[in-house]
Amino acid sequence: MKALLRTAGIVTIVSAIVLTGVTAAQAAPACSTARVCLYDNYWFTGTQRTYNWVASYVGDAANDKASSIVIGPAANVQSPYVYLYRDLNYSGHAVIFRGGNAVNDLRGVSMYAGVNWDDEISSIWG
């Protein structure tokens, strides 16, 4: 299912680029200030769940399900980074993103050799 959605997303984004000059980064949906939007599927599709920059656990419904993310702008410019953790309570491996960024496919974000961030996020600290 994710492969099908990913292919459909690519076609949509490529169409947008050809027709309007919009890049993939510009095509990411907005996420509110100091919020993290997690999507169950690639290219910001599937169920969306929104969290504050601090969540010790994303909950059973979202745990280890995010395949794409949008990080809202920072509320405090002196603290513009968000840490996403593999385990609850801000533990395990972490990846850092700057506010205002998005990733349409977490398979492209490496955790360590041979392991990526697709379906791995459990807690958020910003």
PDB file of N, CA and C in Angstrom:
ATOM      1  N   MET A   1       0.820  -1.192   0.000  1.00  0.00           N
ATOM      2  CA  MET A   1       0.000   0.000   0.000  1.00  0.00           C
ATOM      3  C   MET A   1       0.866   1.259   0.000  1.00  0.00           C
ATOM      4  N   LYS A   2       1.938   1.258   0.841  1.00  0.00           N
ATOM      5  CA  LYS A   2       2.810   2.425   0.889  1.00  0.00           C
ATOM      6  C   LYS A   2       3.491   2.640  -0.457  1.00  0.00           C
ATOM      7  N   ALA A   3       3.869   1.554  -1.125  1.00  0.00           N
ATOM      8  CA  ALA A   3       4.518   1.676  -2.429  1.00  0.00           C
ATOM      9  C   ALA A   3       3.563   2.331  -3.428  1.00  0.00           C
ATOM     10  N   LEU A   4       2.298   1.923  -3.400  1.00  0.00           N
ATOM     11  CA  LEU A   4       1.304   2.496  -4.288  1.00  0.00           C
ATOM     12  C   LEU A   4       1.116   3.978  -3.991  1.00  0.00           C
ATOM     13  N   LEU A   5       0.991   4.327  -2.711  1.00  0.00           N
ATOM     14  CA  LEU A   5       0.820   5.722  -2.329  1.00  0.00           C
ATOM     15  C   LEU A   5       2.055   6.543  -2.685  1.00  0.00           C
ATOM     16  N   ARG A   6       3.239   5.958  -2.494  1.00  0.00           N
ATOM     17  CA  ARG A   6       4.473   6.659  -2.830  1.00  0.00           C
ATOM     18  C   ARG A   6       4.513   6.952  -4.322  1.00  0.00           C
ATOM     19  N   THR A   7       4.155   5.973  -5.148  1.00  0.00           N
ATOM     20  CA  THR A   7       4.152   6.165  -6.602  1.00  0.00           C
ATOM     21  C   THR A   7       3.145   7.242  -6.987  1.00  0.00           C
ATOM     22  N   ALA A   8       1.962   7.193  -6.398  1.00  0.00           N
ATOM     23  CA  ALA A   8       0.941   8.205  -6.690  1.00  0.00           C
ATOM     24  C   ALA A   8       1.428   9.588  -6.269  1.00  0.00           C
ATOM     25  N   GLY A   9       2.099   9.662  -5.121  1.00  0.00           N
ATOM     26  CA  GLY A   9       2.645  10.933  -4.652  1.00  0.00           C
ATOM     27  C   GLY A   9       3.699  11.487  -5.581  1.00  0.00           C
ATOM     28  N   ILE A  10       4.551  10.616  -6.099  1.00  0.00           N
ATOM     29  CA  ILE A  10       5.603  11.048  -7.022  1.00  0.00           C
ATOM     30  C   ILE A  10       4.987  11.612  -8.294  1.00  0.00           C
ATOM     31  N   VAL A  11       3.983  10.915  -8.808  1.00  0.00           N
ATOM     32  CA  VAL A  11       3.317  11.384 -10.023  1.00  0.00           C
ATOM     33  C   VAL A  11       2.672  12.739  -9.769  1.00  0.00           C
ATOM     34  N   THR A  12       2.036  12.896  -8.612  1.00  0.00           N
ATOM     35  CA  THR A  12       1.389  14.163  -8.270  1.00  0.00           C
ATOM     36  C   THR A  12       2.418  15.279  -8.166  1.00  0.00           C
ATOM     37  N   ILE A  13       3.522  15.027  -7.463  1.00  0.00           N
ATOM     38  CA  ILE A  13       4.550  16.052  -7.288  1.00  0.00           C
ATOM     39  C   ILE A  13       5.192  16.397  -8.629  1.00  0.00           C
ATOM     40  N   VAL A  14       5.524  15.377  -9.426  1.00  0.00           N
ATOM     41  CA  VAL A  14       6.122  15.639 -10.735  1.00  0.00           C
ATOM     42  C   VAL A  14       5.165  16.455 -11.582  1.00  0.00           C
ATOM     43  N   SER A  15       3.875  16.129 -11.538  1.00  0.00           N
ATOM     44  CA  SER A  15       2.881  16.893 -12.284  1.00  0.00           C
ATOM     45  C   SER A  15       2.865  18.339 -11.813  1.00  0.00           C
ATOM     46  N   ALA A  16       2.944  18.541 -10.502  1.00  0.00           N
ATOM     47  CA  ALA A  16       2.941  19.899  -9.961  1.00  0.00           C
ATOM     48  C   ALA A  16       4.164  20.672 -10.428  1.00  0.00           C
ATOM     49  N   ILE A  17       5.308  20.002 -10.473  1.00  0.00           N
ATOM     50  CA  ILE A  17       6.534  20.660 -10.914  1.00  0.00           C
ATOM     51  C   ILE A  17       6.407  21.077 -12.375  1.00  0.00           C
ATOM     52  N   VAL A  18       5.913  20.182 -13.208  1.00  0.00           N
ATOM     53  CA  VAL A  18       5.792  20.457 -14.630  1.00  0.00           C
ATOM     54  C   VAL A  18       4.769  21.567 -14.890  1.00  0.00           C
ATOM     55  N   LEU A  19       3.649  21.520 -14.186  1.00  0.00           N
ATOM     56  CA  LEU A  19       2.574  22.469 -14.456  1.00  0.00           C
ATOM     57  C   LEU A  19       2.757  23.809 -13.764  1.00  0.00           C
ATOM     58  N   THR A  20       3.346  23.821 -12.566  1.00  0.00           N
ATOM     59  CA  THR A  20       3.394  25.065 -11.809  1.00  0.00           C
ATOM     60  C   THR A  20       4.781  25.482 -11.373  1.00  0.00           C
ATOM     61  N   GLY A  21       5.779  24.630 -11.547  1.00  0.00           N
ATOM     62  CA  GLY A  21       7.114  24.958 -11.086  1.00  0.00           C
ATOM     63  C   GLY A  21       7.297  24.764  -9.596  1.00  0.00           C
ATOM     64  N   VAL A  22       6.373  24.098  -8.925  1.00  0.00           N
ATOM     65  CA  VAL A  22       6.451  23.864  -7.487  1.00  0.00           C
ATOM     66  C   VAL A  22       7.387  22.693  -7.235  1.00  0.00           C
ATOM     67  N   THR A  23       8.292  22.836  -6.277  1.00  0.00           N
ATOM     68  CA  THR A  23       9.199  21.753  -5.929  1.00  0.00           C
ATOM     69  C   THR A  23       8.553  20.848  -4.894  1.00  0.00           C
ATOM     70  N   ALA A  24       9.149  19.679  -4.672  1.00  0.00           N
ATOM     71  CA  ALA A  24       8.631  18.734  -3.682  1.00  0.00           C
ATOM     72  C   ALA A  24       8.634  19.352  -2.299  1.00  0.00           C
ATOM     73  N   ALA A  25       9.672  20.111  -1.945  1.00  0.00           N
ATOM     74  CA  ALA A  25       9.728  20.742  -0.621  1.00  0.00           C
ATOM     75  C   ALA A  25       8.599  21.743  -0.447  1.00  0.00           C
ATOM     76  N   GLN A  26       8.274  22.488  -1.511  1.00  0.00           N
ATOM     77  CA  GLN A  26       7.191  23.454  -1.425  1.00  0.00           C
ATOM     78  C   GLN A  26       5.829  22.761  -1.338  1.00  0.00           C
ATOM     79  N   ALA A  27       5.739  21.529  -1.811  1.00  0.00           N
ATOM     80  CA  ALA A  27       4.469  20.821  -1.830  1.00  0.00           C
ATOM     81  C   ALA A  27       4.103  20.226  -0.475  1.00  0.00           C
ATOM     82  N   ALA A  28       4.999  20.268   0.503  1.00  0.00           N
ATOM     83  CA  ALA A  28       4.708  19.732   1.832  1.00  0.00           C
ATOM     84  C   ALA A  28       3.598  20.555   2.479  1.00  0.00           C
ATOM     85  N   PRO A  29       2.674  19.894   3.162  1.00  0.00           N
ATOM     86  CA  PRO A  29       1.619  20.633   3.853  1.00  0.00           C
ATOM     87  C   PRO A  29       2.203  21.440   5.013  1.00  0.00           C
ATOM     88  N   ALA A  30       1.487  22.430   5.443  1.00  0.00           N
ATOM     89  CA  ALA A  30       1.930  23.255   6.573  1.00  0.00           C
ATOM     90  C   ALA A  30       1.668  22.531   7.889  1.00  0.00           C
ATOM     91  N   CYS A  31       2.490  22.823   8.863  1.00  0.00           N
ATOM     92  CA  CYS A  31       2.290  22.342  10.223  1.00  0.00           C
ATOM     93  C   CYS A  31       2.449  23.570  11.117  1.00  0.00           C
ATOM     94  N   SER A  32       1.593  23.736  12.087  1.00  0.00           N
ATOM     95  CA  SER A  32       1.572  24.930  12.924  1.00  0.00           C
ATOM     96  C   SER A  32       2.876  25.151  13.674  1.00  0.00           C
ATOM     97  N   THR A  33       3.083  26.359  14.125  1.00  0.00           N
ATOM     98  CA  THR A  33       4.268  26.723  14.898  1.00  0.00           C
ATOM     99  C   THR A  33       4.413  25.823  16.122  1.00  0.00           C
ATOM    100  N   ALA A  34       5.633  25.356  16.338  1.00  0.00           N
ATOM    101  CA  ALA A  34       5.988  24.502  17.481  1.00  0.00           C
ATOM    102  C   ALA A  34       5.166  23.215  17.517  1.00  0.00           C
ATOM    103  N   ARG A  35       4.860  22.685  16.341  1.00  0.00           N
ATOM    104  CA  ARG A  35       4.127  21.418  16.231  1.00  0.00           C
ATOM    105  C   ARG A  35       4.890  20.485  15.290  1.00  0.00           C
ATOM    106  N   VAL A  36       4.668  19.196  15.467  1.00  0.00           N
ATOM    107  CA  VAL A  36       5.222  18.172  14.592  1.00  0.00           C
ATOM    108  C   VAL A  36       4.046  17.395  14.030  1.00  0.00           C
ATOM    109  N   CYS A  37       3.969  17.283  12.715  1.00  0.00           N
ATOM    110  CA  CYS A  37       2.899  16.535  12.054  1.00  0.00           C
ATOM    111  C   CYS A  37       3.494  15.241  11.503  1.00  0.00           C
ATOM    112  N   LEU A  38       2.995  14.122  11.986  1.00  0.00           N
ATOM    113  CA  LEU A  38       3.436  12.799  11.538  1.00  0.00           C
ATOM    114  C   LEU A  38       2.381  12.223  10.603  1.00  0.00           C
ATOM    115  N   TYR A  39       2.832  11.602   9.523  1.00  0.00           N
ATOM    116  CA  TYR A  39       1.926  10.980   8.552  1.00  0.00           C
ATOM    117  C   TYR A  39       2.246   9.495   8.457  1.00  0.00           C
ATOM    118  N   ASP A  40       1.215   8.676   8.399  1.00  0.00           N
ATOM    119  CA  ASP A  40       1.408   7.226   8.339  1.00  0.00           C
ATOM    120  C   ASP A  40       2.018   6.743   7.029  1.00  0.00           C
ATOM    121  N   ASN A  41       1.872   7.521   5.962  1.00  0.00           N
ATOM    122  CA  ASN A  41       2.363   7.093   4.654  1.00  0.00           C
ATOM    123  C   ASN A  41       3.329   8.124   4.077  1.00  0.00           C
ATOM    124  N   TYR A  42       3.984   7.754   3.005  1.00  0.00           N
ATOM    125  CA  TYR A  42       4.918   8.638   2.326  1.00  0.00           C
ATOM    126  C   TYR A  42       4.176   9.778   1.647  1.00  0.00           C
ATOM    127  N   TRP A  43       4.918  10.841   1.350  1.00  0.00           N
ATOM    128  CA  TRP A  43       4.382  12.017   0.655  1.00  0.00           C
ATOM    129  C   TRP A  43       3.220  12.648   1.401  1.00  0.00           C
ATOM    130  N   PHE A  44       3.279  12.610   2.747  1.00  0.00           N
ATOM    131  CA  PHE A  44       2.327  13.313   3.607  1.00  0.00           C
ATOM    132  C   PHE A  44       0.888  12.838   3.382  1.00  0.00           C
ATOM    133  N   THR A  45       0.730  11.528   3.241  1.00  0.00           N
ATOM    134  CA  THR A  45      -0.598  10.945   3.070  1.00  0.00           C
ATOM    135  C   THR A  45      -0.878   9.985   4.223  1.00  0.00           C
ATOM    136  N   GLY A  46      -2.067   9.464   4.255  1.00  0.00           N
ATOM    137  CA  GLY A  46      -2.472   8.586   5.344  1.00  0.00           C
ATOM    138  C   GLY A  46      -2.888   9.416   6.548  1.00  0.00           C
ATOM    139  N   THR A  47      -3.075   8.768   7.652  1.00  0.00           N
ATOM    140  CA  THR A  47      -3.502   9.450   8.872  1.00  0.00           C
ATOM    141  C   THR A  47      -2.437  10.450   9.312  1.00  0.00           C
ATOM    142  N   GLN A  48      -2.889  11.669   9.623  1.00  0.00           N
ATOM    143  CA  GLN A  48      -2.000  12.701  10.150  1.00  0.00           C
ATOM    144  C   GLN A  48      -2.263  12.857  11.641  1.00  0.00           C
ATOM    145  N   ARG A  49      -1.184  12.934  12.399  1.00  0.00           N
ATOM    146  CA  ARG A  49      -1.284  13.192  13.835  1.00  0.00           C
ATOM    147  C   ARG A  49      -0.364  14.355  14.157  1.00  0.00           C
ATOM    148  N   THR A  50      -0.856  15.293  14.968  1.00  0.00           N
ATOM    149  CA  THR A  50      -0.096  16.496  15.277  1.00  0.00           C
ATOM    150  C   THR A  50       0.233  16.535  16.761  1.00  0.00           C
ATOM    151  N   TYR A  51       1.490  16.894  17.059  1.00  0.00           N
ATOM    152  CA  TYR A  51       1.994  16.911  18.426  1.00  0.00           C
ATOM    153  C   TYR A  51       2.702  18.226  18.720  1.00  0.00           C
ATOM    154  N   ASN A  52       2.744  18.586  20.005  1.00  0.00           N
ATOM    155  CA  ASN A  52       3.607  19.676  20.442  1.00  0.00           C
ATOM    156  C   ASN A  52       5.047  19.220  20.268  1.00  0.00           C
ATOM    157  N   TRP A  53       5.986  20.110  20.432  1.00  0.00           N
ATOM    158  CA  TRP A  53       7.393  19.753  20.292  1.00  0.00           C
ATOM    159  C   TRP A  53       7.874  18.908  21.457  1.00  0.00           C
ATOM    160  N   VAL A  54       7.035  18.644  22.426  1.00  0.00           N
ATOM    161  CA  VAL A  54       7.399  17.774  23.539  1.00  0.00           C
ATOM    162  C   VAL A  54       6.289  16.738  23.714  1.00  0.00           C
ATOM    163  N   ALA A  55       6.630  15.472  23.466  1.00  0.00           N
ATOM    164  CA  ALA A  55       5.684  14.368  23.649  1.00  0.00           C
ATOM    165  C   ALA A  55       6.496  13.149  24.077  1.00  0.00           C
ATOM    166  N   SER A  56       6.349  12.739  25.333  1.00  0.00           N
ATOM    167  CA  SER A  56       7.132  11.611  25.838  1.00  0.00           C
ATOM    168  C   SER A  56       6.737  10.296  25.171  1.00  0.00           C
ATOM    169  N   TYR A  57       5.530  10.270  24.604  1.00  0.00           N
ATOM    170  CA  TYR A  57       5.067   9.095  23.867  1.00  0.00           C
ATOM    171  C   TYR A  57       4.011   9.559  22.882  1.00  0.00           C
ATOM    172  N   VAL A  58       4.133   9.159  21.636  1.00  0.00           N
ATOM    173  CA  VAL A  58       3.171   9.582  20.616  1.00  0.00           C
ATOM    174  C   VAL A  58       1.855   8.820  20.699  1.00  0.00           C
ATOM    175  N   GLY A  59       1.799   7.796  21.533  1.00  0.00           N
ATOM    176  CA  GLY A  59       0.575   7.022  21.709  1.00  0.00           C
ATOM    177  C   GLY A  59       0.566   5.762  20.870  1.00  0.00           C
ATOM    178  N   ASP A  60      -0.234   4.810  21.293  1.00  0.00           N
ATOM    179  CA  ASP A  60      -0.289   3.521  20.612  1.00  0.00           C
ATOM    180  C   ASP A  60      -0.703   3.645  19.144  1.00  0.00           C
ATOM    181  N   ALA A  61      -1.610   4.578  18.850  1.00  0.00           N
ATOM    182  CA  ALA A  61      -2.109   4.711  17.483  1.00  0.00           C
ATOM    183  C   ALA A  61      -1.037   5.208  16.510  1.00  0.00           C
ATOM    184  N   ALA A  62      -0.039   5.950  17.012  1.00  0.00           N
ATOM    185  CA  ALA A  62       0.987   6.522  16.136  1.00  0.00           C
ATOM    186  C   ALA A  62       2.361   5.906  16.326  1.00  0.00           C
ATOM    187  N   ASN A  63       2.563   5.146  17.390  1.00  0.00           N
ATOM    188  CA  ASN A  63       3.881   4.607  17.693  1.00  0.00           C
ATOM    189  C   ASN A  63       4.411   3.755  16.544  1.00  0.00           C
ATOM    190  N   ASP A  64       5.614   4.084  16.101  1.00  0.00           N
ATOM    191  CA  ASP A  64       6.293   3.337  15.033  1.00  0.00           C
ATOM    192  C   ASP A  64       5.483   3.261  13.739  1.00  0.00           C
ATOM    193  N   LYS A  65       4.781   4.356  13.399  1.00  0.00           N
ATOM    194  CA  LYS A  65       3.983   4.356  12.176  1.00  0.00           C
ATOM    195  C   LYS A  65       4.301   5.500  11.219  1.00  0.00           C
ATOM    196  N   ALA A  66       5.090   6.479  11.623  1.00  0.00           N
ATOM    197  CA  ALA A  66       5.340   7.647  10.768  1.00  0.00           C
ATOM    198  C   ALA A  66       6.256   7.302   9.600  1.00  0.00           C
ATOM    199  N   SER A  67       5.806   7.674   8.400  1.00  0.00           N
ATOM    200  CA  SER A  67       6.598   7.474   7.193  1.00  0.00           C
ATOM    201  C   SER A  67       6.989   8.791   6.533  1.00  0.00           C
ATOM    202  N   SER A  68       6.329   9.884   6.923  1.00  0.00           N
ATOM    203  CA  SER A  68       6.712  11.225   6.480  1.00  0.00           C
ATOM    204  C   SER A  68       6.356  12.201   7.587  1.00  0.00           C
ATOM    205  N   ILE A  69       7.077  13.336   7.632  1.00  0.00           N
ATOM    206  CA  ILE A  69       6.865  14.297   8.717  1.00  0.00           C
ATOM    207  C   ILE A  69       6.985  15.726   8.205  1.00  0.00           C
ATOM    208  N   VAL A  70       6.313  16.626   8.914  1.00  0.00           N
ATOM    209  CA  VAL A  70       6.473  18.061   8.701  1.00  0.00           C
ATOM    210  C   VAL A  70       6.718  18.669  10.077  1.00  0.00           C
ATOM    211  N   ILE A  71       7.790  19.448  10.182  1.00  0.00           N
ATOM    212  CA  ILE A  71       8.122  20.129  11.425  1.00  0.00           C
ATOM    213  C   ILE A  71       7.694  21.578  11.264  1.00  0.00           C
ATOM    214  N   GLY A  72       6.800  22.039  12.134  1.00  0.00           N
ATOM    215  CA  GLY A  72       6.359  23.432  12.066  1.00  0.00           C
ATOM    216  C   GLY A  72       7.482  24.383  12.441  1.00  0.00           C
ATOM    217  N   PRO A  73       7.306  25.662  12.139  1.00  0.00           N
ATOM    218  CA  PRO A  73       8.320  26.646  12.502  1.00  0.00           C
ATOM    219  C   PRO A  73       8.539  26.683  14.014  1.00  0.00           C
ATOM    220  N   ALA A  74       9.742  27.048  14.405  1.00  0.00           N
ATOM    221  CA  ALA A  74      10.062  27.135  15.828  1.00  0.00           C
ATOM    222  C   ALA A  74       9.343  28.322  16.466  1.00  0.00           C
ATOM    223  N   ALA A  75       8.883  28.147  17.697  1.00  0.00           N
ATOM    224  CA  ALA A  75       8.283  29.249  18.442  1.00  0.00           C
ATOM    225  C   ALA A  75       9.367  30.169  18.991  1.00  0.00           C
ATOM    226  N   ASN A  76      10.545  29.611  19.235  1.00  0.00           N
ATOM    227  CA  ASN A  76      11.670  30.350  19.783  1.00  0.00           C
ATOM    228  C   ASN A  76      12.850  30.177  18.831  1.00  0.00           C
ATOM    229  N   VAL A  77      13.288  31.257  18.206  1.00  0.00           N
ATOM    230  CA  VAL A  77      14.371  31.153  17.227  1.00  0.00           C
ATOM    231  C   VAL A  77      15.696  30.716  17.850  1.00  0.00           C
ATOM    232  N   GLN A  78      15.823  30.835  19.157  1.00  0.00           N
ATOM    233  CA  GLN A  78      17.047  30.389  19.826  1.00  0.00           C
ATOM    234  C   GLN A  78      17.026  28.894  20.112  1.00  0.00           C
ATOM    235  N   SER A  79      15.894  28.254  19.875  1.00  0.00           N
ATOM    236  CA  SER A  79      15.774  26.811  20.067  1.00  0.00           C
ATOM    237  C   SER A  79      15.002  26.221  18.886  1.00  0.00           C
ATOM    238  N   PRO A  80      15.628  26.183  17.703  1.00  0.00           N
ATOM    239  CA  PRO A  80      14.905  25.811  16.485  1.00  0.00           C
ATOM    240  C   PRO A  80      14.890  24.326  16.149  1.00  0.00           C
ATOM    241  N   TYR A  81      15.401  23.464  17.019  1.00  0.00           N
ATOM    242  CA  TYR A  81      15.551  22.053  16.657  1.00  0.00           C
ATOM    243  C   TYR A  81      14.586  21.139  17.407  1.00  0.00           C
ATOM    244  N   VAL A  82      14.195  20.072  16.728  1.00  0.00           N
ATOM    245  CA  VAL A  82      13.333  19.040  17.307  1.00  0.00           C
ATOM    246  C   VAL A  82      14.074  17.714  17.211  1.00  0.00           C
ATOM    247  N   TYR A  83      14.048  16.952  18.282  1.00  0.00           N
ATOM    248  CA  TYR A  83      14.645  15.613  18.330  1.00  0.00           C
ATOM    249  C   TYR A  83      13.513  14.603  18.273  1.00  0.00           C
ATOM    250  N   LEU A  84      13.623  13.656  17.375  1.00  0.00           N
ATOM    251  CA  LEU A  84      12.659  12.561  17.292  1.00  0.00           C
ATOM    252  C   LEU A  84      13.380  11.311  17.780  1.00  0.00           C
ATOM    253  N   TYR A  85      12.755  10.592  18.717  1.00  0.00           N
ATOM    254  CA  TYR A  85      13.400   9.442  19.341  1.00  0.00           C
ATOM    255  C   TYR A  85      12.740   8.142  18.922  1.00  0.00           C
ATOM    256  N   ARG A  86      13.537   7.101  18.906  1.00  0.00           N
ATOM    257  CA  ARG A  86      13.057   5.765  18.540  1.00  0.00           C
ATOM    258  C   ARG A  86      12.191   5.155  19.649  1.00  0.00           C
ATOM    259  N   ASP A  87      12.494   5.493  20.893  1.00  0.00           N
ATOM    260  CA  ASP A  87      11.774   4.907  22.023  1.00  0.00           C
ATOM    261  C   ASP A  87      11.030   5.979  22.823  1.00  0.00           C
ATOM    262  N   LEU A  88      10.120   5.545  23.652  1.00  0.00           N
ATOM    263  CA  LEU A  88       9.370   6.497  24.467  1.00  0.00           C
ATOM    264  C   LEU A  88      10.267   7.131  25.515  1.00  0.00           C
ATOM    265  N   ASN A  89       9.799   8.219  26.099  1.00  0.00           N
ATOM    266  CA  ASN A  89      10.530   8.972  27.127  1.00  0.00           C
ATOM    267  C   ASN A  89      11.898   9.444  26.648  1.00  0.00           C
ATOM    268  N   TYR A  90      11.974   9.864  25.383  1.00  0.00           N
ATOM    269  CA  TYR A  90      13.172  10.484  24.833  1.00  0.00           C
ATOM    270  C   TYR A  90      14.405   9.603  24.959  1.00  0.00           C
ATOM    271  N   SER A  91      14.266   8.346  24.613  1.00  0.00           N
ATOM    272  CA  SER A  91      15.397   7.423  24.715  1.00  0.00           C
ATOM    273  C   SER A  91      15.600   6.678  23.399  1.00  0.00           C
ATOM    274  N   GLY A  92      16.716   5.989  23.330  1.00  0.00           N
ATOM    275  CA  GLY A  92      17.078   5.282  22.109  1.00  0.00           C
ATOM    276  C   GLY A  92      17.707   6.233  21.116  1.00  0.00           C
ATOM    277  N   HIS A  93      17.834   5.795  19.882  1.00  0.00           N
ATOM    278  CA  HIS A  93      18.416   6.617  18.827  1.00  0.00           C
ATOM    279  C   HIS A  93      17.563   7.858  18.600  1.00  0.00           C
ATOM    280  N   ALA A  94      18.204   8.936  18.165  1.00  0.00           N
ATOM    281  CA  ALA A  94      17.488  10.185  17.891  1.00  0.00           C
ATOM    282  C   ALA A  94      17.944  10.767  16.563  1.00  0.00           C
ATOM    283  N   VAL A  95      17.051  11.515  15.958  1.00  0.00           N
ATOM    284  CA  VAL A  95      17.372  12.270  14.749  1.00  0.00           C
ATOM    285  C   VAL A  95      16.927  13.706  15.011  1.00  0.00           C
ATOM    286  N   ILE A  96      17.668  14.666  14.484  1.00  0.00           N
ATOM    287  CA  ILE A  96      17.390  16.079  14.736  1.00  0.00           C
ATOM    288  C   ILE A  96      16.926  16.750  13.450  1.00  0.00           C
ATOM    289  N   PHE A  97      15.846  17.551  13.580  1.00  0.00           N
ATOM    290  CA  PHE A  97      15.352  18.348  12.460  1.00  0.00           C
ATOM    291  C   PHE A  97      15.198  19.792  12.904  1.00  0.00           C
ATOM    292  N   ARG A  98      15.435  20.695  12.014  1.00  0.00           N
ATOM    293  CA  ARG A  98      15.218  22.112  12.272  1.00  0.00           C
ATOM    294  C   ARG A  98      13.761  22.435  11.962  1.00  0.00           C
ATOM    295  N   GLY A  99      13.159  23.301  12.749  1.00  0.00           N
ATOM    296  CA  GLY A  99      11.780  23.724  12.509  1.00  0.00           C
ATOM    297  C   GLY A  99      11.618  24.274  11.100  1.00  0.00           C
ATOM    298  N   GLY A 100      10.454  24.045  10.521  1.00  0.00           N
ATOM    299  CA  GLY A 100      10.168  24.529   9.182  1.00  0.00           C
ATOM    300  C   GLY A 100      10.576  23.568   8.076  1.00  0.00           C
ATOM    301  N   ASN A 101      11.003  22.357   8.433  1.00  0.00           N
ATOM    302  CA  ASN A 101      11.431  21.382   7.433  1.00  0.00           C
ATOM    303  C   ASN A 101      10.440  20.221   7.331  1.00  0.00           C
ATOM    304  N   ALA A 102      10.574  19.465   6.269  1.00  0.00           N
ATOM    305  CA  ALA A 102       9.704  18.318   6.031  1.00  0.00           C
ATOM    306  C   ALA A 102      10.500  17.205   5.366  1.00  0.00           C
ATOM    307  N   VAL A 103      10.058  15.977   5.590  1.00  0.00           N
ATOM    308  CA  VAL A 103      10.653  14.812   4.940  1.00  0.00           C
ATOM    309  C   VAL A 103       9.505  13.986   4.377  1.00  0.00           C
ATOM    310  N   ASN A 104       9.483  13.800   3.067  1.00  0.00           N
ATOM    311  CA  ASN A 104       8.376  13.087   2.438  1.00  0.00           C
ATOM    312  C   ASN A 104       8.519  11.566   2.482  1.00  0.00           C
ATOM    313  N   ASP A 105       9.700  11.069   2.853  1.00  0.00           N
ATOM    314  CA  ASP A 105       9.920   9.626   2.897  1.00  0.00           C
ATOM    315  C   ASP A 105      11.037   9.338   3.905  1.00  0.00           C
ATOM    316  N   LEU A 106      10.680   8.892   5.096  1.00  0.00           N
ATOM    317  CA  LEU A 106      11.661   8.661   6.158  1.00  0.00           C
ATOM    318  C   LEU A 106      12.597   7.488   5.874  1.00  0.00           C
ATOM    319  N   ARG A 107      12.340   6.725   4.817  1.00  0.00           N
ATOM    320  CA  ARG A 107      13.287   5.667   4.444  1.00  0.00           C
ATOM    321  C   ARG A 107      14.619   6.260   4.020  1.00  0.00           C
ATOM    322  N   GLY A 108      14.615   7.506   3.624  1.00  0.00           N
ATOM    323  CA  GLY A 108      15.831   8.176   3.192  1.00  0.00           C
ATOM    324  C   GLY A 108      16.625   8.809   4.322  1.00  0.00           C
ATOM    325  N   VAL A 109      16.139   8.685   5.557  1.00  0.00           N
ATOM    326  CA  VAL A 109      16.841   9.242   6.715  1.00  0.00           C
ATOM    327  C   VAL A 109      17.428   8.077   7.504  1.00  0.00           C
ATOM    328  N   SER A 110      18.746   7.980   7.514  1.00  0.00           N
ATOM    329  CA  SER A 110      19.428   6.849   8.136  1.00  0.00           C
ATOM    330  C   SER A 110      19.523   6.988   9.650  1.00  0.00           C
ATOM    331  N   MET A 111      19.227   5.903  10.346  1.00  0.00           N
ATOM    332  CA  MET A 111      19.419   5.848  11.796  1.00  0.00           C
ATOM    333  C   MET A 111      20.838   5.339  12.075  1.00  0.00           C
ATOM    334  N   TYR A 112      21.171   4.226  11.464  1.00  0.00           N
ATOM    335  CA  TYR A 112      22.519   3.659  11.455  1.00  0.00           C
ATOM    336  C   TYR A 112      22.573   2.708  10.274  1.00  0.00           C
ATOM    337  N   ALA A 113      23.719   2.153   9.986  1.00  0.00           N
ATOM    338  CA  ALA A 113      23.890   1.340   8.775  1.00  0.00           C
ATOM    339  C   ALA A 113      22.785   0.296   8.626  1.00  0.00           C
ATOM    340  N   GLY A 114      22.059   0.384   7.542  1.00  0.00           N
ATOM    341  CA  GLY A 114      21.030  -0.597   7.221  1.00  0.00           C
ATOM    342  C   GLY A 114      19.675  -0.351   7.874  1.00  0.00           C
ATOM    343  N   VAL A 115      19.549   0.689   8.701  1.00  0.00           N
ATOM    344  CA  VAL A 115      18.273   0.978   9.384  1.00  0.00           C
ATOM    345  C   VAL A 115      17.919   2.446   9.155  1.00  0.00           C
ATOM    346  N   ASN A 116      16.662   2.686   8.764  1.00  0.00           N
ATOM    347  CA  ASN A 116      16.205   4.057   8.538  1.00  0.00           C
ATOM    348  C   ASN A 116      15.105   4.418   9.538  1.00  0.00           C
ATOM    349  N   TRP A 117      14.558   5.624   9.417  1.00  0.00           N
ATOM    350  CA  TRP A 117      13.575   6.137  10.382  1.00  0.00           C
ATOM    351  C   TRP A 117      12.127   5.835  10.005  1.00  0.00           C
ATOM    352  N   ASP A 118      11.878   5.123   8.943  1.00  0.00           N
ATOM    353  CA  ASP A 118      10.506   4.775   8.568  1.00  0.00           C
ATOM    354  C   ASP A 118       9.890   3.883   9.645  1.00  0.00           C
ATOM    355  N   ASP A 119       8.751   4.272  10.158  1.00  0.00           N
ATOM    356  CA  ASP A 119       8.008   3.511  11.167  1.00  0.00           C
ATOM    357  C   ASP A 119       8.823   3.293  12.449  1.00  0.00           C
ATOM    358  N   GLU A 120       9.512   4.318  12.925  1.00  0.00           N
ATOM    359  CA  GLU A 120      10.373   4.166  14.108  1.00  0.00           C
ATOM    360  C   GLU A 120      10.159   5.221  15.199  1.00  0.00           C
ATOM    361  N   ILE A 121       9.391   6.279  14.989  1.00  0.00           N
ATOM    362  CA  ILE A 121       9.297   7.381  15.944  1.00  0.00           C
ATOM    363  C   ILE A 121       8.345   7.066  17.096  1.00  0.00           C
ATOM    364  N   SER A 122       8.835   7.301  18.340  1.00  0.00           N
ATOM    365  CA  SER A 122       8.021   7.048  19.525  1.00  0.00           C
ATOM    366  C   SER A 122       7.884   8.259  20.453  1.00  0.00           C
ATOM    367  N   SER A 123       8.862   9.187  20.429  1.00  0.00           N
ATOM    368  CA  SER A 123       8.751  10.379  21.272  1.00  0.00           C
ATOM    369  C   SER A 123       9.428  11.562  20.605  1.00  0.00           C
ATOM    370  N   ILE A 124       9.074  12.773  21.078  1.00  0.00           N
ATOM    371  CA  ILE A 124       9.496  14.017  20.447  1.00  0.00           C
ATOM    372  C   ILE A 124       9.954  14.988  21.537  1.00  0.00           C
ATOM    373  N   TRP A 125      11.084  15.662  21.297  1.00  0.00           N
ATOM    374  CA  TRP A 125      11.562  16.688  22.229  1.00  0.00           C
ATOM    375  C   TRP A 125      12.100  17.874  21.438  1.00  0.00           C
ATOM    376  N   GLY A 126      11.605  19.064  21.743  1.00  0.00           N
ATOM    377  CA  GLY A 126      12.083  20.249  21.024  1.00  0.00           C
ATOM    378  C   GLY A 126      12.296  21.411  21.935  1.00  0.00           C
TER     379      GLY A 126
END
